[in-house]
Amino acid sequence: METVAVPVPHGRLTPSDQQEFDAIAETCARLAGAGTSGELGVLIAEVTLSYSVFELQVIGGHLRREVAALPSPYREAIGPHFTAQIFGAHHHLLMMHRSGEFQRMQTPLADPVLFAGYLAMIPASCLRSNDERPGVSGHLRTPRHRLFYYLMTGFMMFVLGRPGHPVGMPFPGGFFVKEEGRRFLCPIREKEKDLPSSICNFCPAEQIEGM
């Protein structure tokens, strides 16, 4: 597994923020020990099980409020995909963990260098404010809640090899994430290169040509 060098956030951290940063960095170091997709699935599941029902309810509540603030009809179109991105992935992860499916997944991680970069990005990104991080949904109000987002998208991208944004997820302009055979095509894959915290920089989807 590639060594994970975790960048420190800009500016002086409060003692509380430093504690959060160190805890998230420790979690990422633990995930870095995975060599196969199955090992990574187990490690992500173990971290995810530390989230209480109350924490999940809080995340879900903020998600519903965020969707409700969107204009119609985009609100109705994207709402189910936001839910699938976070809680659909969560349900799938725990189902696979409890069935023992991860133990049968012995394929090495497809891109250890890319995965190491993903882990290195997470701790500082979790501490940035929502205003500084337009690439991450606003419902993730605390560093630990933001970590949950990265755990779920990391599971989809690096364990299952699927896009961080679910297939069918719509974007303004009438475009959406597509699946064609073994390829995934996205209208915004190359649009967020300047946002270090964006999951798009690590996604297996390809940019839709001509967009």
Protein backbone atom coordinates (compact mmCIF):
# COMPACT_ATOMS: atom_id res chain seq x y z
CA MET A 1 0.00 0.00 0.00
CA GLU A 2 1.19 3.52 -0.81
CA THR A 3 2.33 5.74 2.05
CA VAL A 4 -0.27 8.35 2.95
CA ALA A 5 1.15 11.82 3.60
CA VAL A 6 -1.63 13.84 5.24
CA PRO A 7 -1.43 17.62 4.61
CA VAL A 8 -2.19 19.86 7.57
CA PRO A 9 -5.04 22.39 7.16
CA HIS A 10 -4.15 26.02 6.56
CA GLY A 11 -4.26 28.21 9.66
CA ARG A 12 -4.06 27.47 13.37
CA LEU A 13 -6.37 24.74 14.63
CA THR A 14 -8.31 25.01 17.86
CA PRO A 15 -7.70 22.15 20.33
CA SER A 16 -11.08 20.69 19.36
CA ASP A 17 -10.30 20.88 15.64
CA GLN A 18 -6.87 19.35 16.21
CA GLN A 19 -8.48 16.45 18.02
CA GLU A 20 -10.93 15.93 15.16
CA PHE A 21 -8.14 16.18 12.59
CA ASP A 22 -5.97 13.64 14.42
CA ALA A 23 -8.87 11.19 14.78
CA ILE A 24 -9.72 11.38 11.09
CA ALA A 25 -6.06 11.08 10.08
CA GLU A 26 -5.80 7.99 12.27
CA THR A 27 -8.85 6.50 10.54
CA CYS A 28 -7.33 7.18 7.13
CA ALA A 29 -4.06 5.56 8.21
CA ARG A 30 -6.05 2.51 9.23
CA LEU A 31 -7.76 2.35 5.82
CA ALA A 32 -4.37 2.67 4.14
CA GLY A 33 -3.55 -0.82 5.40
CA ALA A 34 -5.93 -2.39 2.88
CA GLY A 35 -4.34 -4.20 -0.04
CA THR A 36 -7.46 -5.67 -1.63
CA SER A 37 -10.94 -4.37 -2.31
CA GLY A 38 -12.33 -6.84 0.21
CA GLU A 39 -9.95 -5.73 2.97
CA LEU A 40 -10.89 -2.12 2.30
CA GLY A 41 -14.59 -3.00 2.44
CA VAL A 42 -14.15 -4.58 5.86
CA LEU A 43 -12.18 -1.62 7.22
CA ILE A 44 -14.71 0.94 5.95
CA ALA A 45 -17.55 -1.12 7.41
CA GLU A 46 -15.85 -1.29 10.80
CA VAL A 47 -15.43 2.49 10.89
CA THR A 48 -18.98 3.04 9.69
CA LEU A 49 -20.39 0.86 12.48
CA SER A 50 -19.03 3.40 14.99
CA TYR A 51 -21.68 5.90 13.83
CA SER A 52 -24.69 5.89 16.10
CA VAL A 53 -28.29 5.84 14.90
CA PHE A 54 -28.61 9.39 16.17
CA GLU A 55 -25.65 10.56 14.07
CA LEU A 56 -27.15 8.96 10.98
CA GLN A 57 -30.49 10.62 11.71
CA VAL A 58 -28.78 14.02 11.98
CA ILE A 59 -27.01 13.51 8.65
CA GLY A 60 -30.28 12.40 7.08
CA GLY A 61 -32.14 15.40 8.47
CA HIS A 62 -29.64 17.87 7.04
CA LEU A 63 -29.77 16.03 3.72
CA ARG A 64 -33.56 16.35 3.53
CA ARG A 65 -33.39 20.06 4.33
CA GLU A 66 -30.75 20.60 1.67
CA VAL A 67 -32.85 18.85 -0.97
CA ALA A 68 -35.98 20.76 0.10
CA ALA A 69 -34.18 24.06 -0.55
CA LEU A 70 -33.52 23.22 -4.20
CA PRO A 71 -35.84 24.57 -6.92
CA SER A 72 -38.49 22.34 -8.43
CA PRO A 73 -38.41 20.19 -10.58
CA TYR A 74 -34.66 19.68 -10.00
CA ARG A 75 -35.42 18.99 -6.32
CA GLU A 76 -37.64 16.02 -7.16
CA ALA A 77 -35.18 14.69 -9.75
CA ILE A 78 -32.04 14.77 -7.63
CA GLY A 79 -33.47 13.92 -4.19
CA PRO A 80 -33.44 10.12 -4.59
CA HIS A 81 -29.88 10.22 -5.95
CA PHE A 82 -28.58 12.23 -2.99
CA THR A 83 -30.12 9.59 -0.72
CA ALA A 84 -28.62 6.77 -2.77
CA GLN A 85 -25.19 8.40 -2.73
CA ILE A 86 -25.08 8.43 1.07
CA PHE A 87 -27.58 6.00 2.55
CA GLY A 88 -27.92 3.64 -0.40
CA ALA A 89 -24.16 3.12 -0.24
CA HIS A 90 -24.35 2.72 3.54
CA HIS A 91 -27.00 -0.02 3.25
CA HIS A 92 -25.05 -1.81 0.50
CA LEU A 93 -21.83 -1.66 2.54
CA LEU A 94 -23.38 -3.20 5.65
CA MET A 95 -25.20 -5.88 3.64
CA MET A 96 -21.93 -6.99 2.06
CA HIS A 97 -20.12 -6.88 5.39
CA ARG A 98 -22.70 -8.95 7.24
CA SER A 99 -22.94 -11.53 4.45
CA GLY A 100 -19.16 -12.06 4.46
CA GLU A 101 -18.90 -11.02 0.83
CA PHE A 102 -15.81 -8.90 1.43
CA GLN A 103 -13.85 -11.98 2.53
CA ARG A 104 -14.34 -13.40 -0.97
CA MET A 105 -13.06 -10.25 -2.70
CA GLN A 106 -9.32 -10.83 -3.15
CA THR A 107 -8.71 -8.46 -6.07
CA PRO A 108 -5.91 -5.96 -5.32
CA LEU A 109 -6.92 -2.30 -5.25
CA ALA A 110 -7.09 -1.07 -8.84
CA ASP A 111 -5.06 2.10 -8.24
CA PRO A 112 -3.20 2.21 -4.89
CA VAL A 113 -1.58 5.56 -5.74
CA LEU A 114 -4.94 7.19 -6.44
CA PHE A 115 -6.40 5.68 -3.28
CA ALA A 116 -3.47 7.00 -1.23
CA GLY A 117 -4.16 10.45 -2.65
CA TYR A 118 -7.82 10.13 -1.71
CA LEU A 119 -6.95 9.26 1.89
CA ALA A 120 -4.41 12.08 2.10
CA MET A 121 -7.06 14.57 0.99
CA ILE A 122 -9.70 13.60 3.56
CA PRO A 123 -8.52 14.93 6.98
CA ALA A 124 -7.96 18.56 5.98
CA SER A 125 -11.05 18.53 3.75
CA CYS A 126 -13.22 17.40 6.65
CA LEU A 127 -12.18 20.48 8.66
CA ARG A 128 -12.86 23.08 5.98
CA SER A 129 -16.10 25.03 6.18
CA ASN A 130 -18.92 24.32 3.76
CA ASP A 131 -18.38 27.70 2.09
CA GLU A 132 -14.79 26.73 1.31
CA ARG A 133 -15.77 23.32 0.02
CA PRO A 134 -18.45 23.58 -2.70
CA GLY A 135 -17.51 20.09 -3.92
CA VAL A 136 -19.07 18.48 -0.83
CA SER A 137 -22.74 18.64 0.03
CA GLY A 138 -23.73 21.17 2.68
CA HIS A 139 -25.58 18.69 4.88
CA LEU A 140 -22.28 17.41 6.26
CA ARG A 141 -22.06 19.84 9.14
CA THR A 142 -19.25 18.46 11.27
CA PRO A 143 -15.87 16.92 10.44
CA ARG A 144 -17.13 13.49 11.52
CA HIS A 145 -20.23 13.84 9.33
CA ARG A 146 -18.02 14.86 6.40
CA LEU A 147 -15.88 11.80 7.03
CA PHE A 148 -19.02 9.66 6.64
CA TYR A 149 -19.49 11.18 3.18
CA TYR A 150 -15.92 10.28 2.19
CA LEU A 151 -16.29 6.77 3.62
CA MET A 152 -19.39 6.11 1.52
CA THR A 153 -17.99 7.54 -1.69
CA GLY A 154 -14.67 5.77 -1.07
CA PHE A 155 -16.54 2.49 -0.73
CA MET A 156 -18.33 3.03 -4.03
CA MET A 157 -15.22 4.15 -5.95
CA PHE A 158 -12.44 1.98 -4.55
CA VAL A 159 -14.25 -1.16 -3.39
CA LEU A 160 -16.98 -1.46 -6.02
CA GLY A 161 -15.29 0.53 -8.79
CA ARG A 162 -18.40 2.65 -9.36
CA PRO A 163 -18.79 6.45 -9.60
CA GLY A 164 -18.99 8.55 -6.47
CA HIS A 165 -22.13 10.17 -7.88
CA PRO A 166 -24.67 7.40 -8.61
CA VAL A 167 -25.56 6.38 -12.15
CA GLY A 168 -28.58 8.42 -13.22
CA MET A 169 -27.75 11.38 -10.96
CA PRO A 170 -28.86 14.53 -12.81
CA PHE A 171 -26.96 17.78 -13.09
CA PRO A 172 -28.19 21.20 -14.24
CA GLY A 173 -28.62 21.36 -18.00
CA GLY A 174 -30.31 17.98 -18.34
CA PHE A 175 -27.11 15.91 -18.09
CA PHE A 176 -26.61 12.88 -15.86
CA VAL A 177 -24.16 10.11 -14.95
CA LYS A 178 -24.38 7.24 -17.43
CA GLU A 179 -23.35 3.58 -17.47
CA GLU A 180 -22.41 2.10 -20.85
CA GLY A 181 -21.19 -1.46 -20.63
CA ARG A 182 -18.23 -1.39 -18.25
CA ARG A 183 -17.74 2.37 -18.60
CA PHE A 184 -19.18 5.17 -16.53
CA LEU A 185 -19.62 8.58 -18.12
CA CYS A 186 -20.07 11.82 -16.20
CA PRO A 187 -20.79 15.40 -17.33
CA ILE A 188 -18.68 17.00 -14.56
CA ARG A 189 -15.77 14.53 -14.14
CA GLU A 190 -13.15 17.05 -15.32
CA LYS A 191 -14.88 20.18 -14.05
CA GLU A 192 -13.62 20.21 -10.45
CA LYS A 193 -9.87 19.76 -10.84
CA ASP A 194 -9.24 22.99 -8.93
CA LEU A 195 -11.15 21.68 -5.89
CA PRO A 196 -8.75 19.39 -3.98
CA SER A 197 -11.56 18.07 -1.78
CA SER A 198 -13.81 17.05 -4.68
CA ILE A 199 -14.46 13.32 -5.08
CA CYS A 200 -14.55 13.87 -8.85
CA ASN A 201 -10.74 13.96 -8.89
CA PHE A 202 -10.68 10.32 -7.75
CA CYS A 203 -13.75 8.93 -9.52
CA PRO A 204 -13.50 6.03 -12.02
CA ALA A 205 -16.05 7.71 -14.30
CA GLU A 206 -14.86 9.29 -17.55
CA GLN A 207 -15.73 12.77 -18.71
CA ILE A 208 -18.45 12.81 -21.36
CA GLU A 209 -16.70 13.96 -24.53
CA GLY A 210 -17.60 17.33 -25.95
CA MET A 211 -18.88 18.74 -22.64
